[in-house]
Amino acid sequence: MPDSNGVKTSAHAEGSMIDCATAWRWLTAIRQGMPSSVSITLSGKQKWHSQITVTDAARDLLDCMTPLAAQSHWTIAQLGQSLDGRIATQSGHSHYINGFESLVHLHRLRALADAVVIGAGTAAADNPQLTVRHVSGTHPVRVVIDPRGRVPAELSVFTSATAPTLHITGPSVNTAPSTAEHCVLPLNTHGQFNPHDVITLLAERGLTRILVEGGGITVSQFIEAGAVDRLHLLVAPLLIGSGRPGLQMTPIDTLESALRPAMRTFRCGEDTLFDVQLRGST
């Protein structure tokens, strides 16, 4: 969907054509409730309109992101995987499964979100920054859900003040001093958090646009709990043949029990973005 130049390139002169940079400037203004000089209007049903010519890439960007920019309450999950549903090799290597355009898309999601959530496994394995670097926008609050307090204290999210961080653990967990705010939630019988408890805790802090970024187990738990409005699944033209699967949910016996959500597809460089609507009309 995004072009290879990301969104930091200069826009065409207003009045001639709307490109991705111009479309993204409008989307961030809508998300922040700010006026915009871009010649795009928004209807009450999260639809955009323009009397000016819009490039194909900008049209896809607006179609995909306007519902998120226009609404203040949503939870969206994101996964990047191969054609055969793998998010990493057996050893855990996962870099560059998806292309640069998919990375830009992920950073756009972060910029539209109030908070970005990752599980303990992803935090420990990837040491992510969870910031907006490839697009213009505001860094989201970083949220690490760590039921047993096993995430190393030296990770970037706990030592960098680039963006605020919430470290959510279960009761009776002692955490090392860090820049993160320590929060405590109860655990269920499986030793995990109820995803709705996480969303409620964030909402109490005014964080109502939530991106669940990974990993596969965390995303699967949120989807299975019915806590996700949309799933953005980025599929790369790559066959790994083995390795770690993306979604890992409770097995079903027959296809009658399978989810059959509405979805749209967009090009994202060499990857394909599946925009999957899991609940509501977000």
Protein backbone atom coordinates (compact mmCIF):
# COMPACT_ATOMS: atom_id res chain seq x y z
CA MET A 1 0.00 0.00 0.00
CA PRO A 2 2.58 2.67 0.94
CA ASP A 3 5.14 3.70 -1.63
CA SER A 4 8.82 2.93 -1.20
CA ASN A 5 9.54 6.49 -0.12
CA GLY A 6 7.47 6.18 3.06
CA VAL A 7 5.70 9.39 4.01
CA LYS A 8 8.50 11.88 4.56
CA THR A 9 8.85 12.88 0.93
CA SER A 10 7.45 16.23 -0.11
CA ALA A 11 3.87 16.28 -1.35
CA HIS A 12 2.81 17.44 -4.76
CA ALA A 13 1.62 21.00 -4.86
CA GLU A 14 -1.82 21.20 -3.29
CA GLY A 15 -4.46 21.55 -5.98
CA SER A 16 -2.74 19.26 -8.49
CA MET A 17 -2.67 15.78 -6.98
CA ILE A 18 -2.90 14.12 -3.58
CA ASP A 19 -0.05 11.69 -2.96
CA CYS A 20 0.79 9.50 0.05
CA ALA A 21 2.59 12.27 1.94
CA THR A 22 -0.40 14.60 1.58
CA ALA A 23 -2.87 11.84 2.49
CA TRP A 24 -0.86 10.95 5.58
CA ARG A 25 -0.73 14.61 6.67
CA TRP A 26 -4.54 14.69 6.46
CA LEU A 27 -4.90 11.39 8.38
CA THR A 28 -2.69 12.56 11.25
CA ALA A 29 -4.60 15.84 11.45
CA ILE A 30 -7.92 13.96 11.63
CA ARG A 31 -6.51 11.63 14.29
CA GLN A 32 -5.40 14.62 16.40
CA GLY A 33 -8.65 16.53 15.89
CA MET A 34 -6.76 19.32 14.17
CA PRO A 35 -7.80 21.37 11.14
CA SER A 36 -6.09 20.44 7.88
CA SER A 37 -5.35 22.42 4.74
CA VAL A 38 -5.50 19.25 2.63
CA SER A 39 -8.47 19.19 0.23
CA ILE A 40 -10.05 16.03 1.64
CA THR A 41 -13.31 15.92 3.55
CA LEU A 42 -14.68 13.33 5.97
CA SER A 43 -18.26 12.09 6.09
CA GLY A 44 -20.06 10.78 9.16
CA LYS A 45 -19.39 7.17 8.15
CA GLN A 46 -15.59 7.46 8.18
CA LYS A 47 -15.50 7.92 4.40
CA TRP A 48 -13.16 10.36 2.72
CA HIS A 49 -13.89 12.51 -0.33
CA SER A 50 -11.76 14.75 -2.52
CA GLN A 51 -12.36 16.82 -5.62
CA ILE A 52 -8.64 16.62 -6.41
CA THR A 53 -6.98 13.72 -8.21
CA VAL A 54 -5.69 11.10 -5.75
CA THR A 55 -2.87 8.71 -6.65
CA ASP A 56 -3.61 4.99 -6.44
CA ALA A 57 -1.24 4.55 -3.49
CA ALA A 58 -2.79 7.48 -1.62
CA ARG A 59 -6.29 6.13 -2.34
CA ASP A 60 -5.36 2.79 -0.76
CA LEU A 61 -3.81 4.58 2.22
CA LEU A 62 -6.96 6.65 2.77
CA ASP A 63 -9.30 3.68 2.28
CA CYS A 64 -7.34 1.59 4.76
CA MET A 65 -6.54 4.14 7.47
CA THR A 66 -9.42 6.63 7.53
CA PRO A 67 -11.62 4.43 9.79
CA LEU A 68 -8.77 4.33 12.33
CA ALA A 69 -7.88 8.01 12.14
CA ALA A 70 -11.53 9.04 12.44
CA GLN A 71 -12.44 7.00 15.52
CA SER A 72 -11.19 7.37 19.09
CA HIS A 73 -11.88 3.86 20.43
CA TRP A 74 -10.51 0.73 18.76
CA THR A 75 -8.23 -2.23 19.23
CA ILE A 76 -6.32 -3.48 16.20
CA ALA A 77 -3.88 -6.40 16.05
CA GLN A 78 -1.02 -6.68 13.55
CA LEU A 79 1.00 -9.65 12.38
CA GLY A 80 3.56 -10.07 9.62
CA GLN A 81 3.97 -13.58 8.24
CA SER A 82 4.97 -15.77 5.31
CA LEU A 83 2.57 -17.39 2.85
CA ASP A 84 2.57 -20.52 4.98
CA GLY A 85 1.65 -18.63 8.14
CA ARG A 86 5.07 -18.44 9.82
CA ILE A 87 6.21 -15.39 11.79
CA ALA A 88 9.73 -16.72 12.46
CA THR A 89 11.98 -19.66 11.75
CA GLN A 90 12.29 -22.45 14.31
CA SER A 91 15.29 -20.64 15.82
CA GLY A 92 13.28 -17.45 16.17
CA HIS A 93 14.78 -15.48 13.29
CA SER A 94 12.09 -13.14 11.95
CA HIS A 95 13.75 -10.06 10.49
CA TYR A 96 12.84 -9.19 6.92
CA ILE A 97 9.96 -11.63 6.46
CA ASN A 98 8.01 -8.59 5.31
CA GLY A 99 9.28 -5.76 3.13
CA PHE A 100 10.01 -2.12 3.91
CA GLU A 101 6.53 -0.99 2.88
CA SER A 102 5.04 -3.26 5.54
CA LEU A 103 7.37 -1.70 8.11
CA VAL A 104 6.12 1.74 7.08
CA HIS A 105 2.55 0.48 7.47
CA LEU A 106 3.32 -0.78 10.99
CA HIS A 107 4.79 2.60 11.95
CA ARG A 108 1.69 4.31 10.59
CA LEU A 109 -0.43 2.10 12.85
CA ARG A 110 1.76 3.06 15.80
CA ALA A 111 1.36 6.75 14.94
CA LEU A 112 -2.43 6.42 14.92
CA ALA A 113 -2.49 4.45 18.18
CA ASP A 114 -2.44 5.74 21.76
CA ALA A 115 -0.71 2.58 22.99
CA VAL A 116 1.19 -0.32 21.44
CA VAL A 117 1.06 -3.67 23.28
CA ILE A 118 3.55 -6.53 23.12
CA GLY A 119 3.95 -9.73 25.08
CA ALA A 120 6.90 -10.78 27.21
CA GLY A 121 8.27 -13.18 24.58
CA THR A 122 8.39 -10.54 21.86
CA ALA A 123 9.93 -8.01 24.21
CA ALA A 124 12.69 -10.38 25.29
CA ALA A 125 13.41 -11.78 21.81
CA ASP A 126 13.30 -8.59 19.74
CA ASN A 127 14.11 -5.76 22.19
CA PRO A 128 11.91 -3.43 20.09
CA GLN A 129 11.83 0.34 20.39
CA LEU A 130 8.08 0.55 19.56
CA THR A 131 8.48 4.12 18.31
CA VAL A 132 7.54 5.99 15.16
CA ARG A 133 10.67 6.31 13.06
CA HIS A 134 9.69 5.78 9.43
CA VAL A 135 6.72 8.18 9.41
CA SER A 136 5.81 11.53 10.89
CA GLY A 137 3.70 11.27 14.03
CA THR A 138 3.67 10.85 17.80
CA HIS A 139 5.18 7.88 19.60
CA PRO A 140 2.53 5.73 21.32
CA VAL A 141 2.73 4.65 24.94
CA ARG A 142 4.62 1.35 25.03
CA VAL A 143 2.95 -1.49 26.94
CA VAL A 144 4.69 -4.73 27.92
CA ILE A 145 2.41 -7.44 29.31
CA ASP A 146 4.64 -9.63 31.46
CA PRO A 147 2.59 -11.88 33.79
CA ARG A 148 5.56 -13.47 35.56
CA GLY A 149 7.97 -10.54 35.40
CA ARG A 150 10.48 -12.34 33.17
CA VAL A 151 11.32 -9.50 30.76
CA PRO A 152 14.93 -8.29 31.27
CA ALA A 153 15.19 -4.85 32.85
CA GLU A 154 17.88 -3.71 30.42
CA LEU A 155 15.57 -3.69 27.39
CA SER A 156 15.15 -0.46 25.44
CA VAL A 157 11.52 0.04 26.49
CA PHE A 158 12.64 0.09 30.15
CA THR A 159 15.77 2.20 29.77
CA SER A 160 14.79 4.74 27.10
CA ALA A 161 12.63 7.77 27.85
CA THR A 162 11.78 8.27 24.17
CA ALA A 163 8.18 7.30 24.94
CA PRO A 164 6.33 6.38 28.15
CA THR A 165 6.19 2.68 29.03
CA LEU A 166 3.77 0.63 31.11
CA HIS A 167 5.07 -2.67 32.51
CA ILE A 168 2.10 -4.85 33.42
CA THR A 169 2.79 -7.85 35.65
CA GLY A 170 0.84 -10.24 37.81
CA PRO A 171 0.66 -9.87 41.61
CA SER A 172 3.72 -10.52 43.78
CA VAL A 173 6.20 -9.69 41.00
CA ASN A 174 9.19 -7.58 41.99
CA THR A 175 10.44 -5.43 39.13
CA ALA A 176 13.84 -3.77 38.81
CA PRO A 177 14.01 0.04 38.77
CA SER A 178 13.31 1.42 35.28
CA THR A 179 11.71 4.32 33.43
CA ALA A 180 8.49 2.28 33.10
CA GLU A 181 5.37 2.60 35.22
CA HIS A 182 4.66 -0.71 36.95
CA CYS A 183 1.02 -1.86 36.81
CA VAL A 184 -0.49 -5.01 38.32
CA LEU A 185 -3.39 -7.09 37.00
CA PRO A 186 -4.81 -10.42 38.22
CA LEU A 187 -3.98 -13.63 36.41
CA ASN A 188 -6.46 -16.23 35.18
CA THR A 189 -6.20 -19.96 35.84
CA HIS A 190 -3.71 -20.27 32.97
CA GLY A 191 -1.39 -17.68 34.50
CA GLN A 192 -2.28 -15.08 31.86
CA PHE A 193 -4.07 -11.73 31.80
CA ASN A 194 -7.61 -11.34 30.59
CA PRO A 195 -7.15 -9.16 27.48
CA HIS A 196 -10.22 -7.11 28.43
CA ASP A 197 -8.54 -6.24 31.76
CA VAL A 198 -5.55 -4.89 29.82
CA ILE A 199 -7.81 -2.78 27.59
CA THR A 200 -9.72 -1.46 30.62
CA LEU A 201 -6.47 -0.51 32.40
CA LEU A 202 -5.32 1.40 29.34
CA ALA A 203 -8.70 3.12 28.91
CA GLU A 204 -8.48 4.33 32.52
CA ARG A 205 -5.33 6.18 31.43
CA GLY A 206 -7.05 7.68 28.41
CA LEU A 207 -5.45 5.20 25.99
CA THR A 208 -8.35 4.04 23.84
CA ARG A 209 -6.68 3.46 20.46
CA ILE A 210 -4.74 0.25 21.03
CA LEU A 211 -2.37 -1.60 18.69
CA VAL A 212 -1.60 -5.19 19.71
CA GLU A 213 1.66 -5.69 17.84
CA GLY A 214 2.79 -9.11 18.93
CA GLY A 215 3.81 -11.70 19.15
CA GLY A 216 1.59 -14.42 17.75
CA ILE A 217 0.54 -15.81 21.12
CA THR A 218 -0.45 -12.38 22.47
CA VAL A 219 -2.38 -11.50 19.30
CA SER A 220 -4.11 -14.89 19.39
CA GLN A 221 -5.16 -14.41 23.02
CA PHE A 222 -6.67 -10.99 22.29
CA ILE A 223 -8.52 -12.28 19.21
CA GLU A 224 -9.85 -15.35 20.99
CA ALA A 225 -11.10 -13.17 23.85
CA GLY A 226 -13.13 -11.11 21.37
CA ALA A 227 -11.08 -8.04 22.24
CA VAL A 228 -9.91 -7.07 18.74
CA ASP A 229 -11.85 -4.95 16.24
CA ARG A 230 -9.53 -5.46 13.27
CA LEU A 231 -6.56 -7.61 12.34
CA HIS A 232 -3.99 -6.30 9.89
CA LEU A 233 -2.27 -9.40 8.53
CA LEU A 234 0.70 -8.66 6.28
CA VAL A 235 1.59 -11.68 4.13
CA ALA A 236 4.95 -11.86 2.37
CA PRO A 237 5.52 -13.88 -0.84
CA LEU A 238 7.76 -16.26 1.05
CA LEU A 239 7.58 -19.95 1.99
CA ILE A 240 9.52 -20.83 5.13
CA GLY A 241 8.28 -24.40 5.39
CA SER A 242 8.68 -24.67 9.16
CA GLY A 243 8.99 -22.40 12.15
CA ARG A 244 6.74 -20.51 14.49
CA PRO A 245 3.12 -20.07 13.45
CA GLY A 246 1.32 -16.74 13.61
CA LEU A 247 -2.14 -17.29 15.07
CA GLN A 248 -2.35 -20.11 17.64
CA MET A 249 -5.91 -20.45 18.92
CA THR A 250 -7.94 -23.19 20.58
CA PRO A 251 -8.40 -26.09 18.12
CA ILE A 252 -11.85 -26.53 16.57
CA ASP A 253 -13.43 -29.79 15.39
CA THR A 254 -15.30 -28.59 12.31
CA LEU A 255 -15.19 -25.62 9.95
CA GLU A 256 -18.62 -24.53 11.17
CA SER A 257 -16.78 -23.13 14.20
CA ALA A 258 -14.26 -21.17 12.12
CA LEU A 259 -14.32 -17.38 12.04
CA ARG A 260 -15.46 -15.99 8.68
CA PRO A 261 -14.85 -12.25 9.00
CA ALA A 262 -15.31 -9.61 6.35
CA MET A 263 -12.02 -8.39 4.91
CA ARG A 264 -10.34 -6.17 2.36
CA THR A 265 -6.95 -6.53 0.72
CA PHE A 266 -4.36 -3.91 -0.21
CA ARG A 267 -0.98 -4.07 -1.89
CA CYS A 268 1.90 -3.24 0.45
CA GLY A 269 4.96 -3.34 -1.76
CA GLU A 270 5.56 -7.03 -2.52
CA ASP A 271 3.38 -8.00 0.46
CA THR A 272 -0.40 -8.25 0.70
CA LEU A 273 -2.26 -6.58 3.54
CA PHE A 274 -5.42 -8.35 4.72
CA ASP A 275 -7.58 -5.86 6.65
CA VAL A 276 -9.81 -8.23 8.62
CA GLN A 277 -12.89 -6.93 10.44
CA LEU A 278 -13.42 -9.06 13.54
CA ARG A 279 -16.13 -7.07 15.29
CA GLY A 280 -18.10 -3.84 15.07
CA SER A 281 -17.81 -1.36 12.25
CA THR A 282 -14.43 0.22 13.03
